[in-house]
Amino acid sequence: HDRTAPEHPHAALLRDGYTAFAKGDMELIRSLLAERVVHR
């Protein structure tokens, strides 16, 4: 196990999304969503 492996970019994207959610930054969240998105 390589503990120094870089985080996948999608994991970083999710972390950024949760940080934006906590701040109420809907503009940043919007930039992470595809035009054809669905939240179930």
PDB file of all heavy atoms in Angstrom:
ATOM      1  N   HIS A   1       0.853  -1.191   0.000  1.00  0.00           N
ATOM      2  CA  HIS A   1       0.000   0.000   0.000  1.00  0.00           C
ATOM      3  C   HIS A   1       0.883   1.233   0.000  1.00  0.00           C
ATOM      4  O   HIS A   1       1.690   1.428   0.901  1.00  0.00           O
ATOM      5  CB  HIS A   1      -0.910   0.032   1.240  1.00  0.00           C
ATOM      6  CG  HIS A   1      -1.866  -1.116   1.290  1.00  0.00           C
ATOM      7  ND1 HIS A   1      -2.961  -1.177   0.480  1.00  0.00           N
ATOM      8  CD2 HIS A   1      -1.866  -2.244   2.035  1.00  0.00           C
ATOM      9  CE1 HIS A   1      -3.620  -2.295   0.721  1.00  0.00           C
ATOM     10  NE2 HIS A   1      -2.978  -2.973   1.654  1.00  0.00           N
ATOM     11  N   ASP A   2       0.708   2.039  -1.011  1.00  0.00           N
ATOM     12  CA  ASP A   2       1.445   3.294  -1.108  1.00  0.00           C
ATOM     13  C   ASP A   2       0.605   4.383  -0.458  1.00  0.00           C
ATOM     14  O   ASP A   2      -0.355   4.872  -1.033  1.00  0.00           O
ATOM     15  CB  ASP A   2       1.727   3.628  -2.570  1.00  0.00           C
ATOM     16  CG  ASP A   2       2.522   4.917  -2.743  1.00  0.00           C
ATOM     17  OD1 ASP A   2       2.868   5.555  -1.721  1.00  0.00           O
ATOM     18  OD2 ASP A   2       2.790   5.291  -3.891  1.00  0.00           O
ATOM     19  N   ARG A   3       0.950   4.770   0.745  1.00  0.00           N
ATOM     20  CA  ARG A   3       0.178   5.767   1.498  1.00  0.00           C
ATOM     21  C   ARG A   3       0.374   7.179   0.960  1.00  0.00           C
ATOM     22  O   ARG A   3      -0.310   8.089   1.366  1.00  0.00           O
ATOM     23  CB  ARG A   3       0.570   5.733   2.985  1.00  0.00           C
ATOM     24  CG  ARG A   3       0.358   4.376   3.621  1.00  0.00           C
ATOM     25  CD  ARG A   3      -0.952   4.339   4.321  1.00  0.00           C
ATOM     26  NE  ARG A   3      -1.108   3.056   4.985  1.00  0.00           N
ATOM     27  CZ  ARG A   3      -2.214   2.378   4.999  1.00  0.00           C
ATOM     28  NH1 ARG A   3      -3.278   2.858   4.431  1.00  0.00           N
ATOM     29  NH2 ARG A   3      -2.297   1.212   5.597  1.00  0.00           N
ATOM     30  N   THR A   4       1.296   7.372   0.039  1.00  0.00           N
ATOM     31  CA  THR A   4       1.542   8.703  -0.509  1.00  0.00           C
ATOM     32  C   THR A   4       0.906   8.876  -1.884  1.00  0.00           C
ATOM     33  O   THR A   4       1.140   9.872  -2.531  1.00  0.00           O
ATOM     34  CB  THR A   4       3.059   8.970  -0.607  1.00  0.00           C
ATOM     35  OG1 THR A   4       3.630   7.996  -1.502  1.00  0.00           O
ATOM     36  CG2 THR A   4       3.723   8.899   0.752  1.00  0.00           C
ATOM     37  N   ALA A   5       0.102   7.923  -2.329  1.00  0.00           N
ATOM     38  CA  ALA A   5      -0.550   8.038  -3.633  1.00  0.00           C
ATOM     39  C   ALA A   5      -1.456   9.263  -3.639  1.00  0.00           C
ATOM     40  O   ALA A   5      -2.154   9.532  -2.669  1.00  0.00           O
ATOM     41  CB  ALA A   5      -1.359   6.784  -3.932  1.00  0.00           C
ATOM     42  N   PRO A   6      -1.460  10.004  -4.736  1.00  0.00           N
ATOM     43  CA  PRO A   6      -2.315  11.200  -4.796  1.00  0.00           C
ATOM     44  C   PRO A   6      -3.798  10.817  -4.803  1.00  0.00           C
ATOM     45  O   PRO A   6      -4.179   9.759  -5.277  1.00  0.00           O
ATOM     46  CB  PRO A   6      -1.919  11.861  -6.110  1.00  0.00           C
ATOM     47  CG  PRO A   6      -1.321  10.767  -6.929  1.00  0.00           C
ATOM     48  CD  PRO A   6      -0.718   9.789  -5.962  1.00  0.00           C
ATOM     49  N   GLU A   7      -4.596  11.730  -4.273  1.00  0.00           N
ATOM     50  CA  GLU A   7      -6.043  11.533  -4.259  1.00  0.00           C
ATOM     51  C   GLU A   7      -6.585  11.661  -5.679  1.00  0.00           C
ATOM     52  O   GLU A   7      -6.123  12.484  -6.461  1.00  0.00           O
ATOM     53  CB  GLU A   7      -6.666  12.597  -3.347  1.00  0.00           C
ATOM     54  CG  GLU A   7      -8.152  12.496  -3.191  1.00  0.00           C
ATOM     55  CD  GLU A   7      -8.683  13.483  -2.163  1.00  0.00           C
ATOM     56  OE1 GLU A   7      -8.566  14.702  -2.386  1.00  0.00           O
ATOM     57  OE2 GLU A   7      -9.204  13.008  -1.151  1.00  0.00           O
ATOM     58  N   HIS A   8      -7.569  10.834  -6.016  1.00  0.00           N
ATOM     59  CA  HIS A   8      -8.189  10.913  -7.333  1.00  0.00           C
ATOM     60  C   HIS A   8      -8.837  12.298  -7.484  1.00  0.00           C
ATOM     61  O   HIS A   8      -9.417  12.820  -6.532  1.00  0.00           O
ATOM     62  CB  HIS A   8      -9.245   9.814  -7.487  1.00  0.00           C
ATOM     63  CG  HIS A   8      -9.712   9.644  -8.885  1.00  0.00           C
ATOM     64  ND1 HIS A   8     -10.590  10.521  -9.486  1.00  0.00           N
ATOM     65  CD2 HIS A   8      -9.407   8.709  -9.815  1.00  0.00           C
ATOM     66  CE1 HIS A   8     -10.808  10.135 -10.724  1.00  0.00           C
ATOM     67  NE2 HIS A   8     -10.110   9.028 -10.949  1.00  0.00           N
ATOM     68  N   PRO A   9      -8.760  12.904  -8.662  1.00  0.00           N
ATOM     69  CA  PRO A   9      -9.366  14.235  -8.853  1.00  0.00           C
ATOM     70  C   PRO A   9     -10.856  14.282  -8.517  1.00  0.00           C
ATOM     71  O   PRO A   9     -11.348  15.313  -8.061  1.00  0.00           O
ATOM     72  CB  PRO A   9      -9.138  14.522 -10.347  1.00  0.00           C
ATOM     73  CG  PRO A   9      -7.999  13.646 -10.744  1.00  0.00           C
ATOM     74  CD  PRO A   9      -8.041  12.447  -9.853  1.00  0.00           C
ATOM     75  N   HIS A  10     -11.570  13.187  -8.722  1.00  0.00           N
ATOM     76  CA  HIS A  10     -12.998  13.196  -8.374  1.00  0.00           C
ATOM     77  C   HIS A  10     -13.211  13.227  -6.867  1.00  0.00           C
ATOM     78  O   HIS A  10     -14.208  13.793  -6.397  1.00  0.00           O
ATOM     79  CB  HIS A  10     -13.716  11.998  -9.002  1.00  0.00           C
ATOM     80  CG  HIS A  10     -13.875  12.118 -10.481  1.00  0.00           C
ATOM     81  ND1 HIS A  10     -13.915  11.037 -11.308  1.00  0.00           N
ATOM     82  CD2 HIS A  10     -14.003  13.207 -11.280  1.00  0.00           C
ATOM     83  CE1 HIS A  10     -14.064  11.440 -12.556  1.00  0.00           C
ATOM     84  NE2 HIS A  10     -14.111  12.758 -12.567  1.00  0.00           N
ATOM     85  N   ALA A  11     -12.315  12.649  -6.091  1.00  0.00           N
ATOM     86  CA  ALA A  11     -12.416  12.761  -4.634  1.00  0.00           C
ATOM     87  C   ALA A  11     -12.213  14.210  -4.204  1.00  0.00           C
ATOM     88  O   ALA A  11     -12.938  14.728  -3.346  1.00  0.00           O
ATOM     89  CB  ALA A  11     -11.409  11.838  -3.941  1.00  0.00           C
ATOM     90  N   ALA A  12     -11.246  14.875  -4.827  1.00  0.00           N
ATOM     91  CA  ALA A  12     -11.022  16.298  -4.535  1.00  0.00           C
ATOM     92  C   ALA A  12     -12.240  17.123  -4.937  1.00  0.00           C
ATOM     93  O   ALA A  12     -12.640  18.051  -4.213  1.00  0.00           O
ATOM     94  CB  ALA A  12      -9.764  16.792  -5.252  1.00  0.00           C
ATOM     95  N   LEU A  13     -12.853  16.785  -6.076  1.00  0.00           N
ATOM     96  CA  LEU A  13     -14.059  17.481  -6.531  1.00  0.00           C
ATOM     97  C   LEU A  13     -15.167  17.342  -5.485  1.00  0.00           C
ATOM     98  O   LEU A  13     -15.843  18.319  -5.146  1.00  0.00           O
ATOM     99  CB  LEU A  13     -14.499  16.894  -7.876  1.00  0.00           C
ATOM    100  CG  LEU A  13     -15.753  17.440  -8.528  1.00  0.00           C
ATOM    101  CD1 LEU A  13     -15.611  17.395 -10.047  1.00  0.00           C
ATOM    102  CD2 LEU A  13     -16.981  16.666  -8.119  1.00  0.00           C
ATOM    103  N   LEU A  14     -15.347  16.128  -4.952  1.00  0.00           N
ATOM    104  CA  LEU A  14     -16.384  15.921  -3.931  1.00  0.00           C
ATOM    105  C   LEU A  14     -16.081  16.718  -2.672  1.00  0.00           C
ATOM    106  O   LEU A  14     -16.976  17.343  -2.095  1.00  0.00           O
ATOM    107  CB  LEU A  14     -16.526  14.436  -3.614  1.00  0.00           C
ATOM    108  CG  LEU A  14     -17.058  13.564  -4.743  1.00  0.00           C
ATOM    109  CD1 LEU A  14     -17.104  12.104  -4.300  1.00  0.00           C
ATOM    110  CD2 LEU A  14     -18.415  14.036  -5.217  1.00  0.00           C
ATOM    111  N   ARG A  15     -14.835  16.703  -2.242  1.00  0.00           N
ATOM    112  CA  ARG A  15     -14.470  17.485  -1.043  1.00  0.00           C
ATOM    113  C   ARG A  15     -14.758  18.972  -1.268  1.00  0.00           C
ATOM    114  O   ARG A  15     -15.293  19.647  -0.387  1.00  0.00           O
ATOM    115  CB  ARG A  15     -13.002  17.269  -0.684  1.00  0.00           C
ATOM    116  CG  ARG A  15     -12.712  15.900  -0.134  1.00  0.00           C
ATOM    117  CD  ARG A  15     -11.242  15.767   0.282  1.00  0.00           C
ATOM    118  NE  ARG A  15     -10.882  14.389   0.459  1.00  0.00           N
ATOM    119  CZ  ARG A  15     -11.250  13.630   1.485  1.00  0.00           C
ATOM    120  NH1 ARG A  15     -12.007  14.134   2.426  1.00  0.00           N
ATOM    121  NH2 ARG A  15     -10.856  12.372   1.566  1.00  0.00           N
ATOM    122  N   ASP A  16     -14.403  19.468  -2.449  1.00  0.00           N
ATOM    123  CA  ASP A  16     -14.689  20.877  -2.781  1.00  0.00           C
ATOM    124  C   ASP A  16     -16.195  21.134  -2.748  1.00  0.00           C
ATOM    125  O   ASP A  16     -16.645  22.181  -2.277  1.00  0.00           O
ATOM    126  CB  ASP A  16     -14.147  21.234  -4.166  1.00  0.00           C
ATOM    127  CG  ASP A  16     -12.629  21.300  -4.220  1.00  0.00           C
ATOM    128  OD1 ASP A  16     -11.982  21.301  -3.143  1.00  0.00           O
ATOM    129  OD2 ASP A  16     -12.094  21.322  -5.348  1.00  0.00           O
ATOM    130  N   GLY A  17     -16.978  20.179  -3.238  1.00  0.00           N
ATOM    131  CA  GLY A  17     -18.428  20.332  -3.242  1.00  0.00           C
ATOM    132  C   GLY A  17     -19.010  20.404  -1.845  1.00  0.00           C
ATOM    133  O   GLY A  17     -19.877  21.236  -1.563  1.00  0.00           O
ATOM    134  N   TYR A  18     -18.546  19.554  -0.944  1.00  0.00           N
ATOM    135  CA  TYR A  18     -19.044  19.586   0.434  1.00  0.00           C
ATOM    136  C   TYR A  18     -18.606  20.862   1.149  1.00  0.00           C
ATOM    137  O   TYR A  18     -19.367  21.422   1.943  1.00  0.00           O
ATOM    138  CB  TYR A  18     -18.604  18.347   1.214  1.00  0.00           C
ATOM    139  CG  TYR A  18     -19.427  17.134   0.876  1.00  0.00           C
ATOM    140  CD1 TYR A  18     -18.957  16.180  -0.011  1.00  0.00           C
ATOM    141  CD2 TYR A  18     -20.692  16.955   1.427  1.00  0.00           C
ATOM    142  CE1 TYR A  18     -19.720  15.072  -0.346  1.00  0.00           C
ATOM    143  CE2 TYR A  18     -21.468  15.855   1.104  1.00  0.00           C
ATOM    144  CZ  TYR A  18     -20.977  14.918   0.213  1.00  0.00           C
ATOM    145  OH  TYR A  18     -21.741  13.839  -0.111  1.00  0.00           O
ATOM    146  N   THR A  19     -17.407  21.343   0.861  1.00  0.00           N
ATOM    147  CA  THR A  19     -16.958  22.611   1.445  1.00  0.00           C
ATOM    148  C   THR A  19     -17.832  23.755   0.952  1.00  0.00           C
ATOM    149  O   THR A  19     -18.259  24.614   1.733  1.00  0.00           O
ATOM    150  CB  THR A  19     -15.477  22.868   1.105  1.00  0.00           C
ATOM    151  OG1 THR A  19     -14.686  21.815   1.672  1.00  0.00           O
ATOM    152  CG2 THR A  19     -15.000  24.203   1.656  1.00  0.00           C
ATOM    153  N   ALA A  20     -18.134  23.751  -0.353  1.00  0.00           N
ATOM    154  CA  ALA A  20     -19.004  24.786  -0.916  1.00  0.00           C
ATOM    155  C   ALA A  20     -20.402  24.704  -0.317  1.00  0.00           C
ATOM    156  O   ALA A  20     -21.019  25.731  -0.014  1.00  0.00           O
ATOM    157  CB  ALA A  20     -19.067  24.637  -2.440  1.00  0.00           C
ATOM    158  N   PHE A  21     -20.903  23.483  -0.127  1.00  0.00           N
ATOM    159  CA  PHE A  21     -22.229  23.288   0.475  1.00  0.00           C
ATOM    160  C   PHE A  21     -22.262  23.890   1.878  1.00  0.00           C
ATOM    161  O   PHE A  21     -23.201  24.591   2.236  1.00  0.00           O
ATOM    162  CB  PHE A  21     -22.567  21.802   0.505  1.00  0.00           C
ATOM    163  CG  PHE A  21     -23.959  21.503   0.973  1.00  0.00           C
ATOM    164  CD1 PHE A  21     -25.018  21.505   0.080  1.00  0.00           C
ATOM    165  CD2 PHE A  21     -24.218  21.220   2.306  1.00  0.00           C
ATOM    166  CE1 PHE A  21     -26.313  21.226   0.502  1.00  0.00           C
ATOM    167  CE2 PHE A  21     -25.501  20.938   2.747  1.00  0.00           C
ATOM    168  CZ  PHE A  21     -26.552  20.946   1.842  1.00  0.00           C
ATOM    169  N   ALA A  22     -21.221  23.631   2.653  1.00  0.00           N
ATOM    170  CA  ALA A  22     -21.157  24.155   4.026  1.00  0.00           C
ATOM    171  C   ALA A  22     -21.152  25.678   4.051  1.00  0.00           C
ATOM    172  O   ALA A  22     -21.669  26.294   4.985  1.00  0.00           O
ATOM    173  CB  ALA A  22     -19.916  23.613   4.737  1.00  0.00           C
ATOM    174  N   LYS A  23     -20.588  26.286   3.021  1.00  0.00           N
ATOM    175  CA  LYS A  23     -20.519  27.748   2.928  1.00  0.00           C
ATOM    176  C   LYS A  23     -21.721  28.351   2.213  1.00  0.00           C
ATOM    177  O   LYS A  23     -21.834  29.566   2.121  1.00  0.00           O
ATOM    178  CB  LYS A  23     -19.245  28.162   2.178  1.00  0.00           C
ATOM    179  CG  LYS A  23     -17.969  27.814   2.904  1.00  0.00           C
ATOM    180  CD  LYS A  23     -16.785  28.216   2.050  1.00  0.00           C
ATOM    181  CE  LYS A  23     -15.480  27.879   2.731  1.00  0.00           C
ATOM    182  NZ  LYS A  23     -14.327  28.224   1.872  1.00  0.00           N
ATOM    183  N   GLY A  24     -22.579  27.492   1.651  1.00  0.00           N
ATOM    184  CA  GLY A  24     -23.707  28.002   0.874  1.00  0.00           C
ATOM    185  C   GLY A  24     -23.297  28.549  -0.480  1.00  0.00           C
ATOM    186  O   GLY A  24     -24.001  29.365  -1.066  1.00  0.00           O
ATOM    187  N   ASP A  25     -22.161  28.092  -1.008  1.00  0.00           N
ATOM    188  CA  ASP A  25     -21.631  28.580  -2.277  1.00  0.00           C
ATOM    189  C   ASP A  25     -22.270  27.804  -3.434  1.00  0.00           C
ATOM    190  O   ASP A  25     -21.696  26.860  -3.981  1.00  0.00           O
ATOM    191  CB  ASP A  25     -20.111  28.428  -2.298  1.00  0.00           C
ATOM    192  CG  ASP A  25     -19.461  29.043  -3.521  1.00  0.00           C
ATOM    193  OD1 ASP A  25     -20.182  29.382  -4.492  1.00  0.00           O
ATOM    194  OD2 ASP A  25     -18.223  29.175  -3.523  1.00  0.00           O
ATOM    195  N   MET A  26     -23.485  28.199  -3.800  1.00  0.00           N
ATOM    196  CA  MET A  26     -24.226  27.499  -4.836  1.00  0.00           C
ATOM    197  C   MET A  26     -23.584  27.678  -6.214  1.00  0.00           C
ATOM    198  O   MET A  26     -23.733  26.817  -7.081  1.00  0.00           O
ATOM    199  CB  MET A  26     -25.681  27.959  -4.866  1.00  0.00           C
ATOM    200  CG  MET A  26     -26.443  27.615  -3.596  1.00  0.00           C
ATOM    201  SD  MET A  26     -26.474  25.823  -3.301  1.00  0.00           S
ATOM    202  CE  MET A  26     -26.931  25.779  -1.593  1.00  0.00           C
ATOM    203  N   GLU A  27     -22.865  28.757  -6.421  1.00  0.00           N
ATOM    204  CA  GLU A  27     -22.191  28.978  -7.706  1.00  0.00           C
ATOM    205  C   GLU A  27     -21.123  27.907  -7.940  1.00  0.00           C
ATOM    206  O   GLU A  27     -21.030  27.345  -9.043  1.00  0.00           O
ATOM    207  CB  GLU A  27     -21.574  30.371  -7.739  1.00  0.00           C
ATOM    208  CG  GLU A  27     -21.002  30.744  -9.089  1.00  0.00           C
ATOM    209  CD  GLU A  27     -20.523  32.182  -9.128  1.00  0.00           C
ATOM    210  OE1 GLU A  27     -21.222  33.063  -8.586  1.00  0.00           O
ATOM    211  OE2 GLU A  27     -19.456  32.399  -9.713  1.00  0.00           O
ATOM    212  N   LEU A  28     -20.343  27.601  -6.919  1.00  0.00           N
ATOM    213  CA  LEU A  28     -19.327  26.558  -7.063  1.00  0.00           C
ATOM    214  C   LEU A  28     -19.984  25.191  -7.252  1.00  0.00           C
ATOM    215  O   LEU A  28     -19.581  24.412  -8.115  1.00  0.00           O
ATOM    216  CB  LEU A  28     -18.374  26.519  -5.867  1.00  0.00           C
ATOM    217  CG  LEU A  28     -17.310  25.419  -5.942  1.00  0.00           C
ATOM    218  CD1 LEU A  28     -16.446  25.553  -7.184  1.00  0.00           C
ATOM    219  CD2 LEU A  28     -16.452  25.416  -4.700  1.00  0.00           C
ATOM    220  N   ILE A  29     -21.010  24.911  -6.456  1.00  0.00           N
ATOM    221  CA  ILE A  29     -21.708  23.628  -6.610  1.00  0.00           C
ATOM    222  C   ILE A  29     -22.252  23.511  -8.024  1.00  0.00           C
ATOM    223  O   ILE A  29     -22.108  22.466  -8.673  1.00  0.00           O
ATOM    224  CB  ILE A  29     -22.834  23.481  -5.572  1.00  0.00           C
ATOM    225  CG1 ILE A  29     -22.251  23.392  -4.161  1.00  0.00           C
ATOM    226  CG2 ILE A  29     -23.685  22.247  -5.877  1.00  0.00           C
ATOM    227  CD1 ILE A  29     -23.278  23.464  -3.064  1.00  0.00           C
ATOM    228  N   ARG A  30     -22.848  24.573  -8.544  1.00  0.00           N
ATOM    229  CA  ARG A  30     -23.400  24.554  -9.906  1.00  0.00           C
ATOM    230  C   ARG A  30     -22.325  24.201 -10.914  1.00  0.00           C
ATOM    231  O   ARG A  30     -22.574  23.464 -11.869  1.00  0.00           O
ATOM    232  CB  ARG A  30     -24.029  25.921 -10.226  1.00  0.00           C
ATOM    233  CG  ARG A  30     -24.508  26.085 -11.662  1.00  0.00           C
ATOM    234  CD  ARG A  30     -25.639  25.117 -11.948  1.00  0.00           C
ATOM    235  NE  ARG A  30     -26.160  25.222 -13.290  1.00  0.00           N
ATOM    236  CZ  ARG A  30     -25.697  24.539 -14.332  1.00  0.00           C
ATOM    237  NH1 ARG A  30     -24.681  23.718 -14.192  1.00  0.00           N
ATOM    238  NH2 ARG A  30     -26.256  24.656 -15.509  1.00  0.00           N
ATOM    239  N   SER A  31     -21.106  24.687 -10.715  1.00  0.00           N
ATOM    240  CA  SER A  31     -20.023  24.415 -11.667  1.00  0.00           C
ATOM    241  C   SER A  31     -19.591  22.946 -11.655  1.00  0.00           C
ATOM    242  O   SER A  31     -18.973  22.481 -12.616  1.00  0.00           O
ATOM    243  CB  SER A  31     -18.822  25.320 -11.376  1.00  0.00           C
ATOM    244  OG  SER A  31     -18.127  24.873 -10.211  1.00  0.00           O
ATOM    245  N   LEU A  32     -19.928  22.211 -10.596  1.00  0.00           N
ATOM    246  CA  LEU A  32     -19.558  20.797 -10.493  1.00  0.00           C
ATOM    247  C   LEU A  32     -20.594  19.871 -11.113  1.00  0.00           C
ATOM    248  O   LEU A  32     -20.329  18.691 -11.330  1.00  0.00           O
ATOM    249  CB  LEU A  32     -19.359  20.414  -9.022  1.00  0.00           C
ATOM    250  CG  LEU A  32     -18.341  21.238  -8.235  1.00  0.00           C
ATOM    251  CD1 LEU A  32     -18.306  20.788  -6.782  1.00  0.00           C
ATOM    252  CD2 LEU A  32     -16.964  21.152  -8.869  1.00  0.00           C
ATOM    253  N   LEU A  33     -21.782  20.407 -11.389  1.00  0.00           N
ATOM    254  CA  LEU A  33     -22.887  19.600 -11.897  1.00  0.00           C
ATOM    255  C   LEU A  33     -22.939  19.627 -13.423  1.00  0.00           C
ATOM    256  O   LEU A  33     -22.830  20.690 -14.038  1.00  0.00           O
ATOM    257  CB  LEU A  33     -24.219  20.118 -11.355  1.00  0.00           C
ATOM    258  CG  LEU A  33     -24.375  20.161  -9.840  1.00  0.00           C
ATOM    259  CD1 LEU A  33     -25.707  20.808  -9.467  1.00  0.00           C
ATOM    260  CD2 LEU A  33     -24.243  18.774  -9.236  1.00  0.00           C
ATOM    261  N   ALA A  34     -23.138  18.449 -14.028  1.00  0.00           N
ATOM    262  CA  ALA A  34     -23.340  18.359 -15.470  1.00  0.00           C
ATOM    263  C   ALA A  34     -24.721  18.926 -15.819  1.00  0.00           C
ATOM    264  O   ALA A  34     -25.611  18.999 -14.960  1.00  0.00           O
ATOM    265  CB  ALA A  34     -23.239  16.907 -15.919  1.00  0.00           C
ATOM    266  N   GLU A  35     -24.895  19.310 -17.053  1.00  0.00           N
ATOM    267  CA  GLU A  35     -26.199  19.821 -17.484  1.00  0.00           C
ATOM    268  C   GLU A  35     -27.276  18.743 -17.355  1.00  0.00           C
ATOM    269  O   GLU A  35     -28.411  19.044 -17.047  1.00  0.00           O
ATOM    270  CB  GLU A  35     -26.127  20.325 -18.926  1.00  0.00           C
ATOM    271  CG  GLU A  35     -25.360  21.626 -19.076  1.00  0.00           C
ATOM    272  CD  GLU A  35     -25.895  22.739 -18.188  1.00  0.00           C
ATOM    273  OE1 GLU A  35     -27.128  22.968 -18.160  1.00  0.00           O
ATOM    274  OE2 GLU A  35     -25.086  23.382 -17.499  1.00  0.00           O
ATOM    275  N   ARG A  36     -26.921  17.507 -17.586  1.00  0.00           N
ATOM    276  CA  ARG A  36     -27.864  16.389 -17.444  1.00  0.00           C
ATOM    277  C   ARG A  36     -27.546  15.673 -16.147  1.00  0.00           C
ATOM    278  O   ARG A  36     -26.933  14.610 -16.142  1.00  0.00           O
ATOM    279  CB  ARG A  36     -27.749  15.448 -18.636  1.00  0.00           C
ATOM    280  CG  ARG A  36     -28.205  16.117 -19.931  1.00  0.00           C
ATOM    281  CD  ARG A  36     -28.224  15.165 -21.081  1.00  0.00           C
ATOM    282  NE  ARG A  36     -29.190  14.091 -20.788  1.00  0.00           N
ATOM    283  CZ  ARG A  36     -29.167  12.913 -21.355  1.00  0.00           C
ATOM    284  NH1 ARG A  36     -28.239  12.621 -22.225  1.00  0.00           N
ATOM    285  NH2 ARG A  36     -30.075  12.009 -21.050  1.00  0.00           N
ATOM    286  N   VAL A  37     -27.943  16.268 -15.046  1.00  0.00           N
ATOM    287  CA  VAL A  37     -27.693  15.720 -13.720  1.00  0.00           C
ATOM    288  C   VAL A  37     -29.015  15.271 -13.115  1.00  0.00           C
ATOM    289  O   VAL A  37     -30.074  15.802 -13.465  1.00  0.00           O
ATOM    290  CB  VAL A  37     -27.007  16.761 -12.796  1.00  0.00           C
ATOM    291  CG1 VAL A  37     -27.922  17.941 -12.523  1.00  0.00           C
ATOM    292  CG2 VAL A  37     -26.510  16.138 -11.504  1.00  0.00           C
ATOM    293  N   VAL A  38     -28.936  14.298 -12.221  1.00  0.00           N
ATOM    294  CA  VAL A  38     -30.109  13.916 -11.439  1.00  0.00           C
ATOM    295  C   VAL A  38     -29.636  13.629 -10.015  1.00  0.00           C
ATOM    296  O   VAL A  38     -28.610  12.997  -9.812  1.00  0.00           O
ATOM    297  CB  VAL A  38     -30.859  12.698 -12.040  1.00  0.00           C
ATOM    298  CG1 VAL A  38     -29.974  11.470 -12.126  1.00  0.00           C
ATOM    299  CG2 VAL A  38     -32.119  12.395 -11.250  1.00  0.00           C
ATOM    300  N   HIS A  39     -30.361  14.163  -9.044  1.00  0.00           N
ATOM    301  CA  HIS A  39     -30.125  13.850  -7.629  1.00  0.00           C
ATOM    302  C   HIS A  39     -31.352  13.080  -7.162  1.00  0.00           C
ATOM    303  O   HIS A  39     -32.455  13.625  -7.126  1.00  0.00           O
ATOM    304  CB  HIS A  39     -29.926  15.107  -6.801  1.00  0.00           C
ATOM    305  CG  HIS A  39     -29.476  14.822  -5.407  1.00  0.00           C
ATOM    306  ND1 HIS A  39     -28.673  15.687  -4.708  1.00  0.00           N
ATOM    307  CD2 HIS A  39     -29.680  13.772  -4.573  1.00  0.00           C
ATOM    308  CE1 HIS A  39     -28.428  15.182  -3.499  1.00  0.00           C
ATOM    309  NE2 HIS A  39     -29.039  14.019  -3.408  1.00  0.00           N
ATOM    310  N   ARG A  40     -31.140  11.803  -6.831  1.00  0.00           N
ATOM    311  CA  ARG A  40     -32.232  10.930  -6.406  1.00  0.00           C
ATOM    312  C   ARG A  40     -32.250  10.848  -4.886  1.00  0.00           C
ATOM    313  O   ARG A  40     -31.253  10.501  -4.271  1.00  0.00           O
ATOM    314  CB  ARG A  40     -32.065   9.541  -7.008  1.00  0.00           C
ATOM    315  CG  ARG A  40     -32.046   9.548  -8.516  1.00  0.00           C
ATOM    316  CD  ARG A  40     -31.887   8.139  -9.086  1.00  0.00           C
ATOM    317  NE  ARG A  40     -31.581   8.153 -10.501  1.00  0.00           N
ATOM    318  CZ  ARG A  40     -32.446   8.381 -11.476  1.00  0.00           C
ATOM    319  NH1 ARG A  40     -33.702   8.639 -11.186  1.00  0.00           N
ATOM    320  NH2 ARG A  40     -32.066   8.363 -12.746  1.00  0.00           N
TER     321      ARG A  40
END
